[in-house]
């Protein structure tokens, strides 16, 4: 049985599933969301199952590190406040 091709980059995943439009459709997101994920260099963890299934159809697999399993940090979108001296 041939070995699956292992993908190590965000762009490798996008190319592996058929391009940016195909990846956005696979994950049911907008192209702008794909751009945000590309900037971060990782997909959200919830997308791993769909991506891995699509890649498996093409004899490929992506490394786990390309998926963000860290929980969102509390107050991430609040502005940083200066500490008082």
Protein backbone atom coordinates (compact mmCIF):
# COMPACT_ATOMS: atom_id res chain seq x y z
CA UNK A 1 0.00 0.00 0.00
CA UNK A 2 1.48 3.40 -0.98
CA UNK A 3 2.26 5.92 1.72
CA UNK A 4 0.21 9.07 1.98
CA UNK A 5 1.84 12.36 1.11
CA UNK A 6 2.27 14.40 4.28
CA UNK A 7 1.50 18.12 4.06
CA UNK A 8 3.40 20.53 6.31
CA UNK A 9 2.10 23.98 5.30
CA UNK A 10 -1.16 25.92 5.22
CA UNK A 11 -0.72 26.56 1.50
CA UNK A 12 -0.03 22.87 0.98
CA UNK A 13 -3.44 22.06 2.48
CA UNK A 14 -5.16 24.67 0.30
CA UNK A 15 -3.45 23.32 -2.81
CA UNK A 16 -4.18 19.76 -1.72
CA UNK A 17 -7.93 20.30 -1.53
CA UNK A 18 -8.07 22.12 -4.87
CA UNK A 19 -7.28 25.78 -4.19
CA UNK A 20 -8.59 28.66 -2.10
CA UNK A 21 -12.14 28.58 -3.49
CA UNK A 22 -12.43 24.80 -3.03
CA UNK A 23 -11.09 25.05 0.53
CA UNK A 24 -13.57 27.83 1.40
CA UNK A 25 -16.44 25.78 -0.05
CA UNK A 26 -15.30 22.62 1.75
CA UNK A 27 -15.30 24.48 5.07
CA UNK A 28 -18.36 26.60 4.30
CA UNK A 29 -16.56 29.90 4.90
CA UNK A 30 -15.94 33.08 2.93
CA UNK A 31 -12.69 33.77 1.07
CA UNK A 32 -11.98 36.56 3.57
CA UNK A 33 -12.11 34.02 6.41
CA UNK A 34 -9.63 31.88 4.48
CA UNK A 35 -7.38 34.95 4.24
CA UNK A 36 -7.49 35.43 8.01
CA UNK A 37 -6.60 31.79 8.58
CA UNK A 38 -3.79 32.05 6.00
CA UNK A 39 -2.38 35.04 7.89
CA UNK A 40 -2.45 32.99 11.12
CA UNK A 41 -0.95 30.02 9.27
CA UNK A 42 -3.39 27.55 10.82
CA UNK A 43 -6.93 26.32 10.43
CA UNK A 44 -9.30 26.12 13.39
CA UNK A 45 -9.41 22.68 15.00
CA UNK A 46 -13.04 22.18 14.00
CA UNK A 47 -11.99 22.10 10.34
CA UNK A 48 -9.52 19.24 10.74
CA UNK A 49 -11.94 16.37 10.15
CA UNK A 50 -13.26 17.76 6.85
CA UNK A 51 -9.82 18.70 5.60
CA UNK A 52 -8.24 15.37 6.51
CA UNK A 53 -11.12 13.47 4.86
CA UNK A 54 -10.72 15.45 1.63
CA UNK A 55 -6.94 15.03 1.66
CA UNK A 56 -7.31 11.27 2.31
CA UNK A 57 -9.31 10.99 -0.93
CA UNK A 58 -6.17 12.30 -2.64
CA UNK A 59 -3.72 10.08 -0.71
CA UNK A 60 -2.52 12.93 1.47
CA UNK A 61 -2.66 13.99 5.11
CA UNK A 62 -1.79 17.20 6.97
CA UNK A 63 0.29 17.48 10.13
CA UNK A 64 -1.71 18.25 13.28
CA UNK A 65 0.27 21.44 13.93
CA UNK A 66 -1.58 23.17 11.09
CA UNK A 67 -4.75 23.18 13.17
CA UNK A 68 -5.30 25.51 16.12
CA UNK A 69 -6.33 23.53 19.20
CA UNK A 70 -5.64 26.36 21.66
CA UNK A 71 -8.78 27.79 23.25
CA UNK A 72 -9.38 31.48 22.56
CA UNK A 73 -7.81 33.65 25.21
CA UNK A 74 -10.14 35.62 27.41
CA UNK A 75 -10.47 39.27 26.43
CA UNK A 76 -8.43 38.83 23.23
CA UNK A 77 -10.37 41.51 21.40
CA UNK A 78 -10.18 44.11 24.15
CA UNK A 79 -7.55 46.85 23.83
CA UNK A 80 -4.47 46.44 25.98
CA UNK A 81 -4.42 48.74 28.99
CA UNK A 82 -1.28 50.30 30.35
CA UNK A 83 -0.31 49.21 33.82
CA UNK A 84 -0.20 51.88 36.50
CA UNK A 85 3.16 52.50 38.10
